[in-house]
Amino acid sequence: LILKKNDLVLIRSTVPIGTTRNIIIPILEKSKLKVNNDFFVAFTPER
């Protein structure tokens, strides 16, 4: 709801393989922005 062009979303939570690509990105793209073109996403696990 607040995502803007050129924003970066970092996932720090522990999630199963594929969660970023199959769950989080489609939800973020409800913003009408497209990952890699309009905003950026990376998984950076807490350790």
ModelCIF file with pLDDT and N, C-alpha, C, O atoms, coordinates in Angstrom:
data_MODEL
#
_entry.id   MODEL 
#
_entity.id                         1 
_entity.type                       polymer 
_entity.pdbx_number_of_molecules   1 
#
_entity_poly.entity_id                      1 
_entity_poly.type                           'polypeptide(L)' 
_entity_poly.nstd_linkage                   no 
_entity_poly.nstd_monomer                   no 
_entity_poly.pdbx_seq_one_letter_code       LILKKNDLVLIRSTVPIGTTRNIIIPILEKSKLKVNNDFFVAFTPER 
_entity_poly.pdbx_seq_one_letter_code_can   LILKKNDLVLIRSTVPIGTTRNIIIPILEKSKLKVNNDFFVAFTPER 
_entity_poly.pdbx_strand_id                 A 
#
loop_
_entity_poly_seq.entity_id 
_entity_poly_seq.num 
_entity_poly_seq.mon_id 
_entity_poly_seq.hetero 
1 1  LEU n 
1 2  ILE n 
1 3  LEU n 
1 4  LYS n 
1 5  LYS n 
1 6  ASN n 
1 7  ASP n 
1 8  LEU n 
1 9  VAL n 
1 10 LEU n 
1 11 ILE n 
1 12 ARG n 
1 13 SER n 
1 14 THR n 
1 15 VAL n 
1 16 PRO n 
1 17 ILE n 
1 18 GLY n 
1 19 THR n 
1 20 THR n 
1 21 ARG n 
1 22 ASN n 
1 23 ILE n 
1 24 ILE n 
1 25 ILE n 
1 26 PRO n 
1 27 ILE n 
1 28 LEU n 
1 29 GLU n 
1 30 LYS n 
1 31 SER n 
1 32 LYS n 
1 33 LEU n 
1 34 LYS n 
1 35 VAL n 
1 36 ASN n 
1 37 ASN n 
1 38 ASP n 
1 39 PHE n 
1 40 PHE n 
1 41 VAL n 
1 42 ALA n 
1 43 PHE n 
1 44 THR n 
1 45 PRO n 
1 46 GLU n 
1 47 ARG n 
#
_struct_asym.id          A 
_struct_asym.entity_id   1 
#
loop_
_ma_qa_metric.id 
_ma_qa_metric.mode 
_ma_qa_metric.name 
_ma_qa_metric.software_group_id 
_ma_qa_metric.type 
1 global pLDDT . pLDDT 
2 local  pLDDT . pLDDT 
#
_ma_qa_metric_global.metric_id      1 
_ma_qa_metric_global.metric_value   95.34 
_ma_qa_metric_global.model_id       1 
_ma_qa_metric_global.ordinal_id     1 
#
loop_
_ma_qa_metric_local.label_asym_id 
_ma_qa_metric_local.label_comp_id 
_ma_qa_metric_local.label_seq_id 
_ma_qa_metric_local.metric_id 
_ma_qa_metric_local.metric_value 
_ma_qa_metric_local.model_id 
_ma_qa_metric_local.ordinal_id 
A LEU 1  2 96.00 1 1  
A ILE 2  2 96.00 1 2  
A LEU 3  2 97.00 1 3  
A LYS 4  2 97.00 1 4  
A LYS 5  2 97.00 1 5  
A ASN 6  2 97.00 1 6  
A ASP 7  2 98.00 1 7  
A LEU 8  2 98.00 1 8  
A VAL 9  2 98.00 1 9  
A LEU 10 2 97.00 1 10 
A ILE 11 2 97.00 1 11 
A ARG 12 2 94.00 1 12 
A SER 13 2 92.00 1 13 
A THR 14 2 88.00 1 14 
A VAL 15 2 92.00 1 15 
A PRO 16 2 91.00 1 16 
A ILE 17 2 91.00 1 17 
A GLY 18 2 93.00 1 18 
A THR 19 2 95.00 1 19 
A THR 20 2 95.00 1 20 
A ARG 21 2 95.00 1 21 
A ASN 22 2 97.00 1 22 
A ILE 23 2 97.00 1 23 
A ILE 24 2 98.00 1 24 
A ILE 25 2 98.00 1 25 
A PRO 26 2 98.00 1 26 
A ILE 27 2 98.00 1 27 
A LEU 28 2 98.00 1 28 
A GLU 29 2 98.00 1 29 
A LYS 30 2 97.00 1 30 
A SER 31 2 97.00 1 31 
A LYS 32 2 97.00 1 32 
A LEU 33 2 98.00 1 33 
A LYS 34 2 98.00 1 34 
A VAL 35 2 98.00 1 35 
A ASN 36 2 96.00 1 36 
A ASN 37 2 96.00 1 37 
A ASP 38 2 98.00 1 38 
A PHE 39 2 98.00 1 39 
A PHE 40 2 98.00 1 40 
A VAL 41 2 98.00 1 41 
A ALA 42 2 97.00 1 42 
A PHE 43 2 95.00 1 43 
A THR 44 2 92.00 1 44 
A PRO 45 2 89.00 1 45 
A GLU 46 2 85.00 1 46 
A ARG 47 2 78.00 1 47 
#
loop_
_atom_site.group_PDB 
_atom_site.id 
_atom_site.type_symbol 
_atom_site.label_atom_id 
_atom_site.label_alt_id 
_atom_site.label_comp_id 
_atom_site.label_asym_id 
_atom_site.label_entity_id 
_atom_site.label_seq_id 
_atom_site.pdbx_PDB_ins_code 
_atom_site.Cartn_x 
_atom_site.Cartn_y 
_atom_site.Cartn_z 
_atom_site.occupancy 
_atom_site.B_iso_or_equiv 
_atom_site.pdbx_formal_charge 
_atom_site.auth_seq_id 
_atom_site.auth_comp_id 
_atom_site.auth_asym_id 
_atom_site.auth_atom_id 
_atom_site.pdbx_PDB_model_num 
ATOM 1   N N  . LEU A 1 1  ? 0.811  -1.220  0.000   1.00 96.00 ? 1  LEU A N  1 
ATOM 2   C CA . LEU A 1 1  ? 0.000  0.000   0.000   1.00 96.00 ? 1  LEU A CA 1 
ATOM 3   C C  . LEU A 1 1  ? 0.845  1.272   0.000   1.00 96.00 ? 1  LEU A C  1 
ATOM 4   O O  . LEU A 1 1  ? 0.360  2.338   -0.378  1.00 96.00 ? 1  LEU A O  1 
ATOM 5   N N  . ILE A 1 2  ? 2.106  1.166   0.422   1.00 96.00 ? 2  ILE A N  1 
ATOM 6   C CA . ILE A 1 2  ? 2.969  2.359   0.490   1.00 96.00 ? 2  ILE A CA 1 
ATOM 7   C C  . ILE A 1 2  ? 4.192  2.248   -0.420  1.00 96.00 ? 2  ILE A C  1 
ATOM 8   O O  . ILE A 1 2  ? 5.013  3.164   -0.468  1.00 96.00 ? 2  ILE A O  1 
ATOM 9   N N  . LEU A 1 3  ? 4.315  1.140   -1.135  1.00 97.00 ? 3  LEU A N  1 
ATOM 10  C CA . LEU A 1 3  ? 5.479  0.889   -1.985  1.00 97.00 ? 3  LEU A CA 1 
ATOM 11  C C  . LEU A 1 3  ? 5.557  1.921   -3.109  1.00 97.00 ? 3  LEU A C  1 
ATOM 12  O O  . LEU A 1 3  ? 4.553  2.260   -3.735  1.00 97.00 ? 3  LEU A O  1 
ATOM 13  N N  . LYS A 1 4  ? 6.771  2.410   -3.347  1.00 97.00 ? 4  LYS A N  1 
ATOM 14  C CA . LYS A 1 4  ? 7.009  3.415   -4.388  1.00 97.00 ? 4  LYS A CA 1 
ATOM 15  C C  . LYS A 1 4  ? 8.082  2.926   -5.356  1.00 97.00 ? 4  LYS A C  1 
ATOM 16  O O  . LYS A 1 4  ? 8.796  1.959   -5.091  1.00 97.00 ? 4  LYS A O  1 
ATOM 17  N N  . LYS A 1 5  ? 8.171  3.611   -6.461  1.00 97.00 ? 5  LYS A N  1 
ATOM 18  C CA . LYS A 1 5  ? 9.193  3.307   -7.451  1.00 97.00 ? 5  LYS A CA 1 
ATOM 19  C C  . LYS A 1 5  ? 10.574 3.430   -6.801  1.00 97.00 ? 5  LYS A C  1 
ATOM 20  O O  . LYS A 1 5  ? 10.843 4.387   -6.076  1.00 97.00 ? 5  LYS A O  1 
ATOM 21  N N  . ASN A 1 6  ? 11.431 2.465   -7.064  1.00 97.00 ? 6  ASN A N  1 
ATOM 22  C CA . ASN A 1 6  ? 12.819 2.381   -6.589  1.00 97.00 ? 6  ASN A CA 1 
ATOM 23  C C  . ASN A 1 6  ? 12.966 1.963   -5.131  1.00 97.00 ? 6  ASN A C  1 
ATOM 24  O O  . ASN A 1 6  ? 14.082 1.978   -4.610  1.00 97.00 ? 6  ASN A O  1 
ATOM 25  N N  . ASP A 1 7  ? 11.884 1.591   -4.456  1.00 98.00 ? 7  ASP A N  1 
ATOM 26  C CA . ASP A 1 7  ? 11.985 1.099   -3.080  1.00 98.00 ? 7  ASP A CA 1 
ATOM 27  C C  . ASP A 1 7  ? 12.655 -0.277  -3.070  1.00 98.00 ? 7  ASP A C  1 
ATOM 28  O O  . ASP A 1 7  ? 12.617 -1.018  -4.052  1.00 98.00 ? 7  ASP A O  1 
ATOM 29  N N  . LEU A 1 8  ? 13.265 -0.589  -1.935  1.00 98.00 ? 8  LEU A N  1 
ATOM 30  C CA . LEU A 1 8  ? 13.907 -1.880  -1.706  1.00 98.00 ? 8  LEU A CA 1 
ATOM 31  C C  . LEU A 1 8  ? 13.191 -2.567  -0.552  1.00 98.00 ? 8  LEU A C  1 
ATOM 32  O O  . LEU A 1 8  ? 12.987 -1.968  0.504   1.00 98.00 ? 8  LEU A O  1 
ATOM 33  N N  . VAL A 1 9  ? 12.808 -3.830  -0.754  1.00 98.00 ? 9  VAL A N  1 
ATOM 34  C CA . VAL A 1 9  ? 12.189 -4.627  0.296   1.00 98.00 ? 9  VAL A CA 1 
ATOM 35  C C  . VAL A 1 9  ? 13.150 -5.757  0.637   1.00 98.00 ? 9  VAL A C  1 
ATOM 36  O O  . VAL A 1 9  ? 13.534 -6.544  -0.229  1.00 98.00 ? 9  VAL A O  1 
ATOM 37  N N  . LEU A 1 10 ? 13.536 -5.830  1.911   1.00 97.00 ? 10 LEU A N  1 
ATOM 38  C CA . LEU A 1 10 ? 14.423 -6.883  2.388   1.00 97.00 ? 10 LEU A CA 1 
ATOM 39  C C  . LEU A 1 10 ? 13.645 -7.807  3.304   1.00 97.00 ? 10 LEU A C  1 
ATOM 40  O O  . LEU A 1 10 ? 12.998 -7.355  4.248   1.00 97.00 ? 10 LEU A O  1 
ATOM 41  N N  . ILE A 1 11 ? 13.707 -9.102  3.026   1.00 97.00 ? 11 ILE A N  1 
ATOM 42  C CA . ILE A 1 11 ? 13.058 -10.087 3.875   1.00 97.00 ? 11 ILE A CA 1 
ATOM 43  C C  . ILE A 1 11 ? 14.106 -10.630 4.830   1.00 97.00 ? 11 ILE A C  1 
ATOM 44  O O  . ILE A 1 11 ? 15.076 -11.260 4.409   1.00 97.00 ? 11 ILE A O  1 
ATOM 45  N N  . ARG A 1 12 ? 13.906 -10.384 6.118   1.00 94.00 ? 12 ARG A N  1 
ATOM 46  C CA . ARG A 1 12 ? 14.847 -10.802 7.160   1.00 94.00 ? 12 ARG A CA 1 
ATOM 47  C C  . ARG A 1 12 ? 14.303 -12.003 7.939   1.00 94.00 ? 12 ARG A C  1 
ATOM 48  O O  . ARG A 1 12 ? 15.033 -12.640 8.698   1.00 94.00 ? 12 ARG A O  1 
ATOM 49  N N  . SER A 1 13 ? 13.026 -12.302 7.745   1.00 92.00 ? 13 SER A N  1 
ATOM 50  C CA . SER A 1 13 ? 12.379 -13.417 8.435   1.00 92.00 ? 13 SER A CA 1 
ATOM 51  C C  . SER A 1 13 ? 12.830 -14.746 7.847   1.00 92.00 ? 13 SER A C  1 
ATOM 52  O O  . SER A 1 13 ? 13.235 -14.828 6.687   1.00 92.00 ? 13 SER A O  1 
ATOM 53  N N  . THR A 1 14 ? 12.751 -15.786 8.673   1.00 88.00 ? 14 THR A N  1 
ATOM 54  C CA . THR A 1 14 ? 13.060 -17.136 8.211   1.00 88.00 ? 14 THR A CA 1 
ATOM 55  C C  . THR A 1 14 ? 11.834 -17.687 7.493   1.00 88.00 ? 14 THR A C  1 
ATOM 56  O O  . THR A 1 14 ? 10.763 -17.823 8.085   1.00 88.00 ? 14 THR A O  1 
ATOM 57  N N  . VAL A 1 15 ? 12.002 -17.999 6.215   1.00 92.00 ? 15 VAL A N  1 
ATOM 58  C CA . VAL A 1 15 ? 10.885 -18.493 5.405   1.00 92.00 ? 15 VAL A CA 1 
ATOM 59  C C  . VAL A 1 15 ? 11.335 -19.691 4.574   1.00 92.00 ? 15 VAL A C  1 
ATOM 60  O O  . VAL A 1 15 ? 12.521 -19.842 4.282   1.00 92.00 ? 15 VAL A O  1 
ATOM 61  N N  . PRO A 1 16 ? 10.381 -20.540 4.194   1.00 91.00 ? 16 PRO A N  1 
ATOM 62  C CA . PRO A 1 16 ? 10.733 -21.677 3.338   1.00 91.00 ? 16 PRO A CA 1 
ATOM 63  C C  . PRO A 1 16 ? 11.190 -21.206 1.948   1.00 91.00 ? 16 PRO A C  1 
ATOM 64  O O  . PRO A 1 16 ? 10.852 -20.108 1.506   1.00 91.00 ? 16 PRO A O  1 
ATOM 65  N N  . ILE A 1 17 ? 11.948 -22.042 1.288   1.00 91.00 ? 17 ILE A N  1 
ATOM 66  C CA . ILE A 1 17 ? 12.403 -21.754 -0.077  1.00 91.00 ? 17 ILE A CA 1 
ATOM 67  C C  . ILE A 1 17 ? 11.190 -21.471 -0.954  1.00 91.00 ? 17 ILE A C  1 
ATOM 68  O O  . ILE A 1 17 ? 10.189 -22.185 -0.890  1.00 91.00 ? 17 ILE A O  1 
ATOM 69  N N  . GLY A 1 18 ? 11.285 -20.442 -1.759  1.00 93.00 ? 18 GLY A N  1 
ATOM 70  C CA . GLY A 1 18 ? 10.223 -20.076 -2.690  1.00 93.00 ? 18 GLY A CA 1 
ATOM 71  C C  . GLY A 1 18 ? 9.240  -19.053 -2.159  1.00 93.00 ? 18 GLY A C  1 
ATOM 72  O O  . GLY A 1 18 ? 8.432  -18.530 -2.927  1.00 93.00 ? 18 GLY A O  1 
ATOM 73  N N  . THR A 1 19 ? 9.283  -18.745 -0.852  1.00 95.00 ? 19 THR A N  1 
ATOM 74  C CA . THR A 1 19 ? 8.326  -17.808 -0.266  1.00 95.00 ? 19 THR A CA 1 
ATOM 75  C C  . THR A 1 19 ? 8.459  -16.416 -0.864  1.00 95.00 ? 19 THR A C  1 
ATOM 76  O O  . THR A 1 19 ? 7.453  -15.770 -1.156  1.00 95.00 ? 19 THR A O  1 
ATOM 77  N N  . THR A 1 20 ? 9.676  -15.951 -1.047  1.00 95.00 ? 20 THR A N  1 
ATOM 78  C CA . THR A 1 20 ? 9.874  -14.607 -1.601  1.00 95.00 ? 20 THR A CA 1 
ATOM 79  C C  . THR A 1 20 ? 9.275  -14.526 -3.004  1.00 95.00 ? 20 THR A C  1 
ATOM 80  O O  . THR A 1 20 ? 8.486  -13.628 -3.298  1.00 95.00 ? 20 THR A O  1 
ATOM 81  N N  . ARG A 1 21 ? 9.652  -15.458 -3.858  1.00 95.00 ? 21 ARG A N  1 
ATOM 82  C CA . ARG A 1 21 ? 9.229  -15.445 -5.260  1.00 95.00 ? 21 ARG A CA 1 
ATOM 83  C C  . ARG A 1 21 ? 7.734  -15.755 -5.426  1.00 95.00 ? 21 ARG A C  1 
ATOM 84  O O  . ARG A 1 21 ? 7.060  -15.122 -6.238  1.00 95.00 ? 21 ARG A O  1 
ATOM 85  N N  . ASN A 1 22 ? 7.216  -16.721 -4.665  1.00 97.00 ? 22 ASN A N  1 
ATOM 86  C CA . ASN A 1 22 ? 5.865  -17.219 -4.899  1.00 97.00 ? 22 ASN A CA 1 
ATOM 87  C C  . ASN A 1 22 ? 4.780  -16.582 -4.046  1.00 97.00 ? 22 ASN A C  1 
ATOM 88  O O  . ASN A 1 22 ? 3.600  -16.649 -4.390  1.00 97.00 ? 22 ASN A O  1 
ATOM 89  N N  . ILE A 1 23 ? 5.171  -15.963 -2.933  1.00 97.00 ? 23 ILE A N  1 
ATOM 90  C CA . ILE A 1 23 ? 4.164  -15.377 -2.044  1.00 97.00 ? 23 ILE A CA 1 
ATOM 91  C C  . ILE A 1 23 ? 4.378  -13.871 -1.863  1.00 97.00 ? 23 ILE A C  1 
ATOM 92  O O  . ILE A 1 23 ? 3.467  -13.080 -2.110  1.00 97.00 ? 23 ILE A O  1 
ATOM 93  N N  . ILE A 1 24 ? 5.570  -13.478 -1.437  1.00 98.00 ? 24 ILE A N  1 
ATOM 94  C CA . ILE A 1 24 ? 5.804  -12.074 -1.084  1.00 98.00 ? 24 ILE A CA 1 
ATOM 95  C C  . ILE A 1 24 ? 5.774  -11.168 -2.317  1.00 98.00 ? 24 ILE A C  1 
ATOM 96  O O  . ILE A 1 24 ? 5.089  -10.145 -2.308  1.00 98.00 ? 24 ILE A O  1 
ATOM 97  N N  . ILE A 1 25 ? 6.495  -11.520 -3.360  1.00 98.00 ? 25 ILE A N  1 
ATOM 98  C CA . ILE A 1 25 ? 6.534  -10.653 -4.553  1.00 98.00 ? 25 ILE A CA 1 
ATOM 99  C C  . ILE A 1 25 ? 5.153  -10.472 -5.171  1.00 98.00 ? 25 ILE A C  1 
ATOM 100 O O  . ILE A 1 25 ? 4.788  -9.335  -5.472  1.00 98.00 ? 25 ILE A O  1 
ATOM 101 N N  . PRO A 1 26 ? 4.354  -11.537 -5.382  1.00 98.00 ? 26 PRO A N  1 
ATOM 102 C CA . PRO A 1 26 ? 3.004  -11.301 -5.924  1.00 98.00 ? 26 PRO A CA 1 
ATOM 103 C C  . PRO A 1 26 ? 2.158  -10.372 -5.050  1.00 98.00 ? 26 PRO A C  1 
ATOM 104 O O  . PRO A 1 26 ? 1.372  -9.581  -5.571  1.00 98.00 ? 26 PRO A O  1 
ATOM 105 N N  . ILE A 1 27 ? 2.313  -10.461 -3.737  1.00 98.00 ? 27 ILE A N  1 
ATOM 106 C CA . ILE A 1 27 ? 1.578  -9.547  -2.862  1.00 98.00 ? 27 ILE A CA 1 
ATOM 107 C C  . ILE A 1 27 ? 2.072  -8.119  -3.060  1.00 98.00 ? 27 ILE A C  1 
ATOM 108 O O  . ILE A 1 27 ? 1.265  -7.197  -3.172  1.00 98.00 ? 27 ILE A O  1 
ATOM 109 N N  . LEU A 1 28 ? 3.387  -7.925  -3.104  1.00 98.00 ? 28 LEU A N  1 
ATOM 110 C CA . LEU A 1 28 ? 3.936  -6.577  -3.296  1.00 98.00 ? 28 LEU A CA 1 
ATOM 111 C C  . LEU A 1 28 ? 3.540  -5.992  -4.647  1.00 98.00 ? 28 LEU A C  1 
ATOM 112 O O  . LEU A 1 28 ? 3.354  -4.781  -4.773  1.00 98.00 ? 28 LEU A O  1 
ATOM 113 N N  . GLU A 1 29 ? 3.411  -6.843  -5.650  1.00 98.00 ? 29 GLU A N  1 
ATOM 114 C CA . GLU A 1 29 ? 3.039  -6.358  -6.986  1.00 98.00 ? 29 GLU A CA 1 
ATOM 115 C C  . GLU A 1 29 ? 1.577  -5.934  -7.080  1.00 98.00 ? 29 GLU A C  1 
ATOM 116 O O  . GLU A 1 29 ? 1.159  -5.401  -8.108  1.00 98.00 ? 29 GLU A O  1 
ATOM 117 N N  . LYS A 1 30 ? 0.796  -6.160  -6.031  1.00 97.00 ? 30 LYS A N  1 
ATOM 118 C CA . LYS A 1 30 ? -0.558 -5.604  -5.988  1.00 97.00 ? 30 LYS A CA 1 
ATOM 119 C C  . LYS A 1 30 ? -0.506 -4.082  -5.997  1.00 97.00 ? 30 LYS A C  1 
ATOM 120 O O  . LYS A 1 30 ? -1.511 -3.418  -6.252  1.00 97.00 ? 30 LYS A O  1 
ATOM 121 N N  . SER A 1 31 ? 0.671  -3.540  -5.718  1.00 97.00 ? 31 SER A N  1 
ATOM 122 C CA . SER A 1 31 ? 0.889  -2.093  -5.745  1.00 97.00 ? 31 SER A CA 1 
ATOM 123 C C  . SER A 1 31 ? 0.829  -1.541  -7.164  1.00 97.00 ? 31 SER A C  1 
ATOM 124 O O  . SER A 1 31 ? 0.834  -0.326  -7.357  1.00 97.00 ? 31 SER A O  1 
ATOM 125 N N  . LYS A 1 32 ? 0.772  -2.422  -8.155  1.00 97.00 ? 32 LYS A N  1 
ATOM 126 C CA . LYS A 1 32 ? 0.820  -2.089  -9.588  1.00 97.00 ? 32 LYS A CA 1 
ATOM 127 C C  . LYS A 1 32 ? 2.243  -1.794  -10.054 1.00 97.00 ? 32 LYS A C  1 
ATOM 128 O O  . LYS A 1 32 ? 2.458  -1.428  -11.209 1.00 97.00 ? 32 LYS A O  1 
ATOM 129 N N  . LEU A 1 33 ? 3.209  -1.953  -9.156  1.00 98.00 ? 33 LEU A N  1 
ATOM 130 C CA . LEU A 1 33 ? 4.622  -1.840  -9.507  1.00 98.00 ? 33 LEU A CA 1 
ATOM 131 C C  . LEU A 1 33 ? 5.151  -3.236  -9.785  1.00 98.00 ? 33 LEU A C  1 
ATOM 132 O O  . LEU A 1 33 ? 4.616  -4.218  -9.270  1.00 98.00 ? 33 LEU A O  1 
ATOM 133 N N  . LYS A 1 34 ? 6.197  -3.332  -10.596 1.00 98.00 ? 34 LYS A N  1 
ATOM 134 C CA . LYS A 1 34 ? 6.767  -4.626  -10.959 1.00 98.00 ? 34 LYS A CA 1 
ATOM 135 C C  . LYS A 1 34 ? 8.161  -4.775  -10.351 1.00 98.00 ? 34 LYS A C  1 
ATOM 136 O O  . LYS A 1 34 ? 8.995  -3.873  -10.421 1.00 98.00 ? 34 LYS A O  1 
ATOM 137 N N  . VAL A 1 35 ? 8.381  -5.954  -9.750  1.00 98.00 ? 35 VAL A N  1 
ATOM 138 C CA . VAL A 1 35 ? 9.679  -6.245  -9.169  1.00 98.00 ? 35 VAL A CA 1 
ATOM 139 C C  . VAL A 1 35 ? 10.752 -6.166  -10.252 1.00 98.00 ? 35 VAL A C  1 
ATOM 140 O O  . VAL A 1 35 ? 10.521 -6.567  -11.393 1.00 98.00 ? 35 VAL A O  1 
ATOM 141 N N  . ASN A 1 36 ? 11.899 -5.657  -9.899  1.00 96.00 ? 36 ASN A N  1 
ATOM 142 C CA . ASN A 1 36 ? 13.088 -5.515  -10.736 1.00 96.00 ? 36 ASN A CA 1 
ATOM 143 C C  . ASN A 1 36 ? 13.004 -4.340  -11.690 1.00 96.00 ? 36 ASN A C  1 
ATOM 144 O O  . ASN A 1 36 ? 14.042 -3.821  -12.101 1.00 96.00 ? 36 ASN A O  1 
ATOM 145 N N  . ASN A 1 37 ? 11.809 -3.900  -12.057 1.00 96.00 ? 37 ASN A N  1 
ATOM 146 C CA . ASN A 1 37 ? 11.669 -2.708  -12.893 1.00 96.00 ? 37 ASN A CA 1 
ATOM 147 C C  . ASN A 1 37 ? 11.360 -1.481  -12.042 1.00 96.00 ? 37 ASN A C  1 
ATOM 148 O O  . ASN A 1 37 ? 11.948 -0.415  -12.226 1.00 96.00 ? 37 ASN A O  1 
ATOM 149 N N  . ASP A 1 38 ? 10.427 -1.651  -11.106 1.00 98.00 ? 38 ASP A N  1 
ATOM 150 C CA . ASP A 1 38 ? 9.955  -0.522  -10.306 1.00 98.00 ? 38 ASP A CA 1 
ATOM 151 C C  . ASP A 1 38 ? 10.423 -0.566  -8.857  1.00 98.00 ? 38 ASP A C  1 
ATOM 152 O O  . ASP A 1 38 ? 10.652 0.475   -8.241  1.00 98.00 ? 38 ASP A O  1 
ATOM 153 N N  . PHE A 1 39 ? 10.564 -1.766  -8.321  1.00 98.00 ? 39 PHE A N  1 
ATOM 154 C CA . PHE A 1 39 ? 11.052 -1.923  -6.950  1.00 98.00 ? 39 PHE A CA 1 
ATOM 155 C C  . PHE A 1 39 ? 11.928 -3.173  -6.893  1.00 98.00 ? 39 PHE A C  1 
ATOM 156 O O  . PHE A 1 39 ? 11.953 -3.970  -7.830  1.00 98.00 ? 39 PHE A O  1 
ATOM 157 N N  . PHE A 1 40 ? 12.641 -3.331  -5.787  1.00 98.00 ? 40 PHE A N  1 
ATOM 158 C CA . PHE A 1 40 ? 13.654 -4.385  -5.675  1.00 98.00 ? 40 PHE A CA 1 
ATOM 159 C C  . PHE A 1 40 ? 13.417 -5.209  -4.416  1.00 98.00 ? 40 PHE A C  1 
ATOM 160 O O  . PHE A 1 40 ? 12.981 -4.687  -3.390  1.00 98.00 ? 40 PHE A O  1 
ATOM 161 N N  . VAL A 1 41 ? 13.711 -6.505  -4.509  1.00 98.00 ? 41 VAL A N  1 
ATOM 162 C CA . VAL A 1 41 ? 13.474 -7.421  -3.392  1.00 98.00 ? 41 VAL A CA 1 
ATOM 163 C C  . VAL A 1 41 ? 14.684 -8.323  -3.206  1.00 98.00 ? 41 VAL A C  1 
ATOM 164 O O  . VAL A 1 41 ? 15.261 -8.825  -4.171  1.00 98.00 ? 41 VAL A O  1 
ATOM 165 N N  . ALA A 1 42 ? 15.058 -8.520  -1.946  1.00 97.00 ? 42 ALA A N  1 
ATOM 166 C CA . ALA A 1 42 ? 16.146 -9.455  -1.634  1.00 97.00 ? 42 ALA A CA 1 
ATOM 167 C C  . ALA A 1 42 ? 15.837 -10.150 -0.310  1.00 97.00 ? 42 ALA A C  1 
ATOM 168 O O  . ALA A 1 42 ? 15.194 -9.586  0.575   1.00 97.00 ? 42 ALA A O  1 
ATOM 169 N N  . PHE A 1 43 ? 16.306 -11.368 -0.205  1.00 95.00 ? 43 PHE A N  1 
ATOM 170 C CA . PHE A 1 43 ? 16.204 -12.150 1.024   1.00 95.00 ? 43 PHE A CA 1 
ATOM 171 C C  . PHE A 1 43 ? 17.541 -12.047 1.729   1.00 95.00 ? 43 PHE A C  1 
ATOM 172 O O  . PHE A 1 43 ? 18.572 -12.428 1.174   1.00 95.00 ? 43 PHE A O  1 
ATOM 173 N N  . THR A 1 44 ? 17.530 -11.536 2.947   1.00 92.00 ? 44 THR A N  1 
ATOM 174 C CA . THR A 1 44 ? 18.759 -11.369 3.729   1.00 92.00 ? 44 THR A CA 1 
ATOM 175 C C  . THR A 1 44 ? 18.516 -11.965 5.116   1.00 92.00 ? 44 THR A C  1 
ATOM 176 O O  . THR A 1 44 ? 18.184 -11.247 6.060   1.00 92.00 ? 44 THR A O  1 
ATOM 177 N N  . PRO A 1 45 ? 18.683 -13.275 5.226   1.00 89.00 ? 45 PRO A N  1 
ATOM 178 C CA . PRO A 1 45 ? 18.291 -13.949 6.469   1.00 89.00 ? 45 PRO A CA 1 
ATOM 179 C C  . PRO A 1 45 ? 19.044 -13.450 7.695   1.00 89.00 ? 45 PRO A C  1 
ATOM 180 O O  . PRO A 1 45 ? 20.231 -13.128 7.654   1.00 89.00 ? 45 PRO A O  1 
ATOM 181 N N  . GLU A 1 46 ? 18.289 -13.404 8.785   1.00 85.00 ? 46 GLU A N  1 
ATOM 182 C CA . GLU A 1 46 ? 18.864 -13.047 10.083  1.00 85.00 ? 46 GLU A CA 1 
ATOM 183 C C  . GLU A 1 46 ? 19.715 -14.224 10.548  1.00 85.00 ? 46 GLU A C  1 
ATOM 184 O O  . GLU A 1 46 ? 19.299 -15.379 10.462  1.00 85.00 ? 46 GLU A O  1 
ATOM 185 N N  . ARG A 1 47 ? 20.896 -13.919 11.037  1.00 78.00 ? 47 ARG A N  1 
ATOM 186 C CA . ARG A 1 47 ? 21.760 -14.972 11.567  1.00 78.00 ? 47 ARG A CA 1 
ATOM 187 C C  . ARG A 1 47 ? 22.648 -14.443 12.676  1.00 78.00 ? 47 ARG A C  1 
ATOM 188 O O  . ARG A 1 47 ? 23.444 -15.193 13.242  1.00 78.00 ? 47 ARG A O  1 
#
